[in-house]
C-alpha atoms as a PDB file:
ATOM      1  CA  MET A   1     -45.671  16.579  73.729  1.00  0.00           C
ATOM      2  CA  ARG A   2     -49.227  15.490  74.493  1.00  0.00           C
ATOM      3  CA  PRO A   3     -51.057  14.082  71.490  1.00  0.00           C
ATOM      4  CA  ARG A   4     -53.666  16.884  71.315  1.00  0.00           C
ATOM      5  CA  ARG A   5     -50.911  19.590  71.635  1.00  0.00           C
ATOM      6  CA  HIS A   6     -48.917  17.822  68.878  1.00  0.00           C
ATOM      7  CA  GLN A   7     -51.923  17.739  66.548  1.00  0.00           C
ATOM      8  CA  ALA A   8     -52.477  21.507  67.109  1.00  0.00           C
ATOM      9  CA  VAL A   9     -48.886  22.141  66.116  1.00  0.00           C
ATOM     10  CA  LYS A  10     -48.740  19.735  63.199  1.00  0.00           C
ATOM     11  CA  PRO A  11     -52.045  18.174  62.192  1.00  0.00           C
ATOM     12  CA  ARG A  12     -51.890  14.693  60.591  1.00  0.00           C
ATOM     13  CA  GLY A  13     -54.065  11.638  60.060  1.00  0.00           C
ATOM     14  CA  ALA A  14     -57.728  11.312  60.851  1.00  0.00           C
ATOM     15  CA  LEU A  15     -57.361  13.249  64.116  1.00  0.00           C
ATOM     16  CA  GLY A  16     -55.554  15.998  62.113  1.00  0.00           C
ATOM     17  CA  VAL A  17     -58.630  16.497  59.978  1.00  0.00           C
ATOM     18  CA  VAL A  18     -60.677  17.147  63.062  1.00  0.00           C
ATOM     19  CA  MET A  19     -57.918  19.400  64.497  1.00  0.00           C
ATOM     20  CA  GLY A  20     -57.880  21.402  61.196  1.00  0.00           C
ATOM     21  CA  TRP A  21     -61.596  22.018  61.608  1.00  0.00           C
ATOM     22  CA  LEU A  22     -61.045  23.115  65.254  1.00  0.00           C
ATOM     23  CA  LEU A  23     -58.240  25.414  64.270  1.00  0.00           C
ATOM     24  CA  GLU A  24     -60.339  27.135  61.632  1.00  0.00           C
ATOM     25  CA  SER A  25     -63.293  27.512  63.988  1.00  0.00           C
ATOM     26  CA  GLY A  26     -61.221  28.708  66.964  1.00  0.00           C
ATOM     27  CA  ASN A  27     -59.205  31.150  64.742  1.00  0.00           C
ATOM     28  CA  ALA A  28     -62.171  32.498  62.697  1.00  0.00           C
ATOM     29  CA  LEU A  29     -62.357  35.939  64.458  1.00  0.00           C
ATOM     30  CA  GLN A  30     -58.652  36.268  64.455  1.00  0.00           C
ATOM     31  CA  ASN A  31     -58.343  35.438  60.788  1.00  0.00           C
ATOM     32  CA  ARG A  32     -61.039  37.931  59.908  1.00  0.00           C
ATOM     33  CA  ALA A  33     -59.436  40.732  61.952  1.00  0.00           C
ATOM     34  CA  THR A  34     -56.073  39.941  60.401  1.00  0.00           C
ATOM     35  CA  VAL A  35     -57.410  39.974  56.777  1.00  0.00           C
ATOM     36  CA  ASP A  36     -59.364  43.125  57.455  1.00  0.00           C
ATOM     37  CA  ALA A  37     -56.097  44.805  58.626  1.00  0.00           C
ATOM     38  CA  MET A  38     -54.370  44.219  55.352  1.00  0.00           C
ATOM     39  CA  ASP A  39     -54.453  46.347  52.277  1.00  0.00           C
ATOM     40  CA  PRO A  40     -52.369  44.671  49.603  1.00  0.00           C
ATOM     41  CA  PRO A  41     -52.014  46.496  46.285  1.00  0.00           C
ATOM     42  CA  PRO A  42     -53.811  45.144  43.259  1.00  0.00           C
ATOM     43  CA  GLY A  43     -52.020  42.164  41.867  1.00  0.00           C
ATOM     44  CA  ALA A  44     -50.059  41.681  45.044  1.00  0.00           C
ATOM     45  CA  ALA A  45     -48.010  38.590  45.969  1.00  0.00           C
ATOM     46  CA  VAL A  46     -48.877  37.463  49.427  1.00  0.00           C
ATOM     47  CA  LEU A  47     -47.333  34.685  51.565  1.00  0.00           C
ATOM     48  CA  GLU A  48     -48.739  33.100  54.709  1.00  0.00           C
ATOM     49  CA  ILE A  49     -46.501  31.158  57.170  1.00  0.00           C
ATOM     50  CA  GLY A  50     -48.329  28.303  58.805  1.00  0.00           C
ATOM     51  CA  PHE A  51     -51.591  28.622  56.845  1.00  0.00           C
ATOM     52  CA  GLY A  52     -53.238  25.543  58.269  1.00  0.00           C
ATOM     53  CA  PRO A  53     -56.523  24.753  56.462  1.00  0.00           C
ATOM     54  CA  GLY A  54     -56.134  27.983  54.393  1.00  0.00           C
ATOM     55  CA  HIS A  55     -58.868  29.952  55.931  1.00  0.00           C
ATOM     56  CA  ALA A  56     -57.151  33.353  56.090  1.00  0.00           C
ATOM     57  CA  LEU A  57     -55.583  32.948  52.565  1.00  0.00           C
ATOM     58  CA  SER A  58     -59.054  32.172  51.171  1.00  0.00           C
ATOM     59  CA  MET A  59     -60.619  35.141  52.812  1.00  0.00           C
ATOM     60  CA  LEU A  60     -57.857  37.411  51.552  1.00  0.00           C
ATOM     61  CA  ALA A  61     -58.055  36.066  48.017  1.00  0.00           C
ATOM     62  CA  LYS A  62     -61.786  36.547  47.856  1.00  0.00           C
ATOM     63  CA  THR A  63     -61.650  40.170  49.007  1.00  0.00           C
ATOM     64  CA  HIS A  64     -58.583  41.440  47.120  1.00  0.00           C
ATOM     65  CA  PRO A  65     -57.482  41.068  43.494  1.00  0.00           C
ATOM     66  CA  LEU A  66     -54.224  39.265  44.115  1.00  0.00           C
ATOM     67  CA  GLY A  67     -51.564  38.093  41.642  1.00  0.00           C
ATOM     68  CA  LEU A  68     -50.075  35.272  43.781  1.00  0.00           C
ATOM     69  CA  VAL A  69     -51.438  33.314  46.756  1.00  0.00           C
ATOM     70  CA  ALA A  70     -48.556  31.495  48.451  1.00  0.00           C
ATOM     71  CA  GLY A  71     -47.915  29.747  51.686  1.00  0.00           C
ATOM     72  CA  ILE A  72     -45.783  27.352  53.603  1.00  0.00           C
ATOM     73  CA  ASP A  73     -46.878  24.933  56.336  1.00  0.00           C
ATOM     74  CA  HIS A  74     -45.024  21.939  57.930  1.00  0.00           C
ATOM     75  CA  SER A  75     -48.158  19.699  57.878  1.00  0.00           C
ATOM     76  CA  ASP A  76     -48.606  17.769  54.611  1.00  0.00           C
ATOM     77  CA  LEU A  77     -52.350  17.330  55.573  1.00  0.00           C
ATOM     78  CA  MET A  78     -52.923  21.038  55.846  1.00  0.00           C
ATOM     79  CA  VAL A  79     -51.116  21.647  52.528  1.00  0.00           C
ATOM     80  CA  ARG A  80     -53.545  19.323  50.818  1.00  0.00           C
ATOM     81  CA  THR A  81     -56.532  20.729  52.722  1.00  0.00           C
ATOM     82  CA  ALA A  82     -55.658  24.373  51.778  1.00  0.00           C
ATOM     83  CA  ARG A  83     -54.968  23.441  48.202  1.00  0.00           C
ATOM     84  CA  ARG A  84     -58.463  21.972  47.850  1.00  0.00           C
ATOM     85  CA  ARG A  85     -60.032  25.063  49.382  1.00  0.00           C
ATOM     86  CA  LEU A  86     -58.081  27.503  47.209  1.00  0.00           C
ATOM     87  CA  ASP A  87     -58.138  25.587  43.904  1.00  0.00           C
ATOM     88  CA  GLY A  88     -61.442  27.148  42.973  1.00  0.00           C
ATOM     89  CA  GLY A  89     -61.627  30.151  45.267  1.00  0.00           C
ATOM     90  CA  ARG A  90     -58.825  32.608  44.587  1.00  0.00           C
ATOM     91  CA  GLY A  91     -59.904  34.563  41.583  1.00  0.00           C
ATOM     92  CA  ASP A  92     -57.212  34.929  38.903  1.00  0.00           C
ATOM     93  CA  ALA A  93     -54.307  34.638  41.334  1.00  0.00           C
ATOM     94  CA  ALA A  94     -51.592  31.992  40.889  1.00  0.00           C
ATOM     95  CA  LEU A  95     -51.301  29.417  43.740  1.00  0.00           C
ATOM     96  CA  ASP A  96     -48.150  28.241  45.368  1.00  0.00           C
ATOM     97  CA  LEU A  97     -48.561  26.257  48.624  1.00  0.00           C
ATOM     98  CA  ARG A  98     -45.573  24.310  49.853  1.00  0.00           C
ATOM     99  CA  LEU A  99     -44.494  21.936  52.611  1.00  0.00           C
ATOM    100  CA  GLY A 100     -41.721  23.510  54.568  1.00  0.00           C
ATOM    101  CA  ASP A 101     -40.456  25.370  57.650  1.00  0.00           C
ATOM    102  CA  ALA A 102     -40.686  29.022  58.599  1.00  0.00           C
ATOM    103  CA  GLY A 103     -36.964  29.135  59.280  1.00  0.00           C
ATOM    104  CA  ASP A 104     -36.056  28.110  55.718  1.00  0.00           C
ATOM    105  CA  LEU A 105     -38.321  29.743  53.180  1.00  0.00           C
ATOM    106  CA  PRO A 106     -37.969  28.343  49.637  1.00  0.00           C
ATOM    107  CA  PHE A 107     -38.784  31.610  47.860  1.00  0.00           C
ATOM    108  CA  PRO A 108     -36.596  34.315  46.172  1.00  0.00           C
ATOM    109  CA  ASP A 109     -35.638  37.468  48.013  1.00  0.00           C
ATOM    110  CA  GLU A 110     -38.058  40.412  47.662  1.00  0.00           C
ATOM    111  CA  LYS A 111     -40.790  38.290  46.131  1.00  0.00           C
ATOM    112  CA  PHE A 112     -43.882  39.291  48.243  1.00  0.00           C
ATOM    113  CA  ASP A 113     -45.839  42.452  48.987  1.00  0.00           C
ATOM    114  CA  VAL A 114     -47.264  41.004  52.190  1.00  0.00           C
ATOM    115  CA  VAL A 115     -45.931  38.238  54.432  1.00  0.00           C
ATOM    116  CA  PHE A 116     -48.075  37.185  57.403  1.00  0.00           C
ATOM    117  CA  ALA A 117     -48.653  34.591  60.033  1.00  0.00           C
ATOM    118  CA  VAL A 118     -51.741  33.983  62.181  1.00  0.00           C
ATOM    119  CA  ASN A 119     -51.448  32.405  65.546  1.00  0.00           C
ATOM    120  CA  SER A 120     -48.251  30.445  64.743  1.00  0.00           C
ATOM    121  CA  PHE A 121     -45.359  32.730  65.717  1.00  0.00           C
ATOM    122  CA  HIS A 122     -45.314  31.365  69.282  1.00  0.00           C
ATOM    123  CA  GLN A 123     -44.764  27.820  67.959  1.00  0.00           C
ATOM    124  CA  TRP A 124     -41.633  28.512  65.846  1.00  0.00           C
ATOM    125  CA  PRO A 125     -38.485  26.968  67.351  1.00  0.00           C
ATOM    126  CA  ASP A 126     -36.252  29.753  66.060  1.00  0.00           C
ATOM    127  CA  ARG A 127     -38.336  32.957  65.858  1.00  0.00           C
ATOM    128  CA  GLU A 128     -35.435  35.322  65.023  1.00  0.00           C
ATOM    129  CA  ARG A 129     -34.384  33.191  62.058  1.00  0.00           C
ATOM    130  CA  ALA A 130     -37.997  32.831  60.814  1.00  0.00           C
ATOM    131  CA  LEU A 131     -38.505  36.611  60.970  1.00  0.00           C
ATOM    132  CA  ALA A 132     -35.288  37.268  59.151  1.00  0.00           C
ATOM    133  CA  GLU A 133     -36.372  34.782  56.409  1.00  0.00           C
ATOM    134  CA  MET A 134     -39.776  36.583  56.180  1.00  0.00           C
ATOM    135  CA  ALA A 135     -38.112  39.999  55.970  1.00  0.00           C
ATOM    136  CA  GLY A 136     -35.829  38.685  53.242  1.00  0.00           C
ATOM    137  CA  VAL A 137     -38.624  37.592  50.916  1.00  0.00           C
ATOM    138  CA  LEU A 138     -40.537  40.831  51.516  1.00  0.00           C
ATOM    139  CA  LYS A 139     -40.364  43.610  48.876  1.00  0.00           C
ATOM    140  CA  PRO A 140     -39.155  47.071  49.910  1.00  0.00           C
ATOM    141  CA  GLY A 141     -42.208  48.896  51.169  1.00  0.00           C
ATOM    142  CA  GLY A 142     -43.969  45.603  51.873  1.00  0.00           C
ATOM    143  CA  ASP A 143     -45.557  44.582  55.163  1.00  0.00           C
ATOM    144  CA  LEU A 144     -44.722  41.711  57.528  1.00  0.00           C
ATOM    145  CA  LEU A 145     -47.784  41.072  59.745  1.00  0.00           C
ATOM    146  CA  LEU A 146     -47.866  38.816  62.861  1.00  0.00           C
ATOM    147  CA  SER A 147     -51.337  38.055  64.294  1.00  0.00           C
ATOM    148  CA  ILE A 148     -50.949  36.958  67.906  1.00  0.00           C
ATOM    149  CA  ARG A 149     -53.819  35.855  70.114  1.00  0.00           C
ATOM    150  CA  ASP A 150     -53.973  37.208  73.755  1.00  0.00           C
ATOM    151  CA  PHE A 151     -56.237  35.603  76.310  1.00  0.00           C
ATOM    152  CA  ARG A 152     -57.540  38.009  78.979  1.00  0.00           C
ATOM    153  CA  SER A 153     -58.773  35.258  81.368  1.00  0.00           C
ATOM    154  CA  ALA A 154     -57.443  31.938  82.599  1.00  0.00           C
ATOM    155  CA  GLY A 155     -57.861  29.046  80.138  1.00  0.00           C
ATOM    156  CA  ARG A 156     -56.472  25.783  79.064  1.00  0.00           C
ATOM    157  CA  PHE A 157     -54.224  27.120  76.266  1.00  0.00           C
ATOM    158  CA  GLU A 158     -51.943  29.632  77.845  1.00  0.00           C
ATOM    159  CA  PRO A 159     -51.888  32.087  80.880  1.00  0.00           C
ATOM    160  CA  PRO A 160     -53.629  35.428  80.493  1.00  0.00           C
ATOM    161  CA  GLY A 161     -51.410  38.101  79.048  1.00  0.00           C
ATOM    162  CA  ARG A 162     -48.949  35.693  77.457  1.00  0.00           C
ATOM    163  CA  GLY A 163     -49.895  36.915  73.976  1.00  0.00           C
ATOM    164  CA  ALA A 164     -49.144  40.525  74.943  1.00  0.00           C
ATOM    165  CA  GLU A 165     -45.624  39.493  76.091  1.00  0.00           C
ATOM    166  CA  THR A 166     -45.109  37.620  72.855  1.00  0.00           C
ATOM    167  CA  ALA A 167     -46.267  40.578  70.763  1.00  0.00           C
ATOM    168  CA  ARG A 168     -43.857  42.911  72.532  1.00  0.00           C
ATOM    169  CA  ALA A 169     -40.995  40.417  71.985  1.00  0.00           C
ATOM    170  CA  ALA A 170     -41.943  40.151  68.287  1.00  0.00           C
ATOM    171  CA  ALA A 171     -41.961  43.914  67.924  1.00  0.00           C
ATOM    172  CA  ASP A 172     -38.482  44.115  69.287  1.00  0.00           C
ATOM    173  CA  MET A 173     -37.277  41.427  66.858  1.00  0.00           C
ATOM    174  CA  LEU A 174     -38.761  43.249  63.916  1.00  0.00           C
ATOM    175  CA  LYS A 175     -37.179  46.541  65.013  1.00  0.00           C
ATOM    176  CA  ALA A 176     -33.816  44.768  65.206  1.00  0.00           C
ATOM    177  CA  LEU A 177     -34.281  43.738  61.561  1.00  0.00           C
ATOM    178  CA  GLY A 178     -34.729  47.378  60.617  1.00  0.00           C
ATOM    179  CA  LEU A 179     -38.467  47.273  60.060  1.00  0.00           C
ATOM    180  CA  GLN A 180     -40.798  50.157  60.922  1.00  0.00           C
ATOM    181  CA  VAL A 181     -43.116  48.642  63.620  1.00  0.00           C
ATOM    182  CA  ARG A 182     -46.655  49.266  64.667  1.00  0.00           C
ATOM    183  CA  LEU A 183     -48.657  47.418  67.195  1.00  0.00           C
ATOM    184  CA  ARG A 184     -52.509  47.323  67.148  1.00  0.00           C
ATOM    185  CA  GLU A 185     -54.993  45.653  69.476  1.00  0.00           C
ATOM    186  CA  ILE A 186     -58.370  44.271  68.431  1.00  0.00           C
ATOM    187  CA  VAL A 187     -60.553  43.173  71.275  1.00  0.00           C
ATOM    188  CA  HIS A 188     -63.057  40.378  70.441  1.00  0.00           C
ATOM    189  CA  SER A 189     -64.507  39.855  73.939  1.00  0.00           C
ATOM    190  CA  PRO A 190     -63.562  40.300  77.585  1.00  0.00           C
ATOM    191  CA  ALA A 191     -61.718  37.023  77.300  1.00  0.00           C
ATOM    192  CA  ARG A 192     -59.745  37.332  74.044  1.00  0.00           C
ATOM    193  CA  ALA A 193     -58.047  39.854  71.808  1.00  0.00           C
ATOM    194  CA  THR A 194     -55.845  39.805  68.711  1.00  0.00           C
ATOM    195  CA  LEU A 195     -52.570  41.735  68.657  1.00  0.00           C
ATOM    196  CA  LEU A 196     -51.302  42.750  65.253  1.00  0.00           C
ATOM    197  CA  VAL A 197     -47.627  43.421  64.998  1.00  0.00           C
ATOM    198  CA  ARG A 198     -46.862  45.154  61.715  1.00  0.00           C
ATOM    199  CA  GLY A 199     -43.323  45.628  60.375  1.00  0.00           C
ATOM    200  CA  ARG A 200     -42.833  47.668  57.181  1.00  0.00           C
ATOM    201  CA  LYS A 201     -39.711  47.168  55.177  1.00  0.00           C
ATOM    202  CA  CYS A 202     -38.122  50.453  54.113  1.00  0.00           C
ATOM    203  CA  GLY A 203     -36.984  51.152  50.537  1.00  0.00           C
ATOM    204  CA  ARG A 204     -39.952  51.875  48.283  1.00  0.00           C
ATOM    205  CA  THR A 205     -40.280  55.367  46.911  1.00  0.00           C
ATOM    206  CA  GLU A 206     -43.639  56.791  48.044  1.00  0.00           C
ATOM    207  CA  ALA A 207     -45.852  58.115  45.277  1.00  0.00           C
END
């Protein structure tokens, strides 16, 4: 793996600090679109997989009265960076950020109202296992949200349309887990869009 690509997957060291800033800047529109699409209930427990510098979690905590802000990331540098950001910027919510892997979540079953991931699903080595873990820690009636970027023109990151293929594959995996799935497209520019794959876990009695 090339050094820059490795840093984008798992930031560390001095270069990792720079990469964390680049990730936040590059994902800003996608993070905002993802947070705007969420509607967690008051006092909700939310979990982000691969939170990076904590930008999306911070936006979510500042716009919703949450009970628990949690996350897991496999970069120790990003865990420390996100903790600093969220220590004073999450309202009354408890904070639980951990070092770990998407395929082995260290949380109890049915703990969270919302579990989400922004621009990291395509990097997971075992996507089916990770999604099963996410569904397991989700409360009945809760939402699992995958935010996937889709480039519409040729670029240095990935071929155009790759994100759309990834989103369709993710939707099929969520359906196989028994979740009710919806797919939404948010176009940022002629060159880039965000695809939101939402899976709702059945079980909660509707009011």
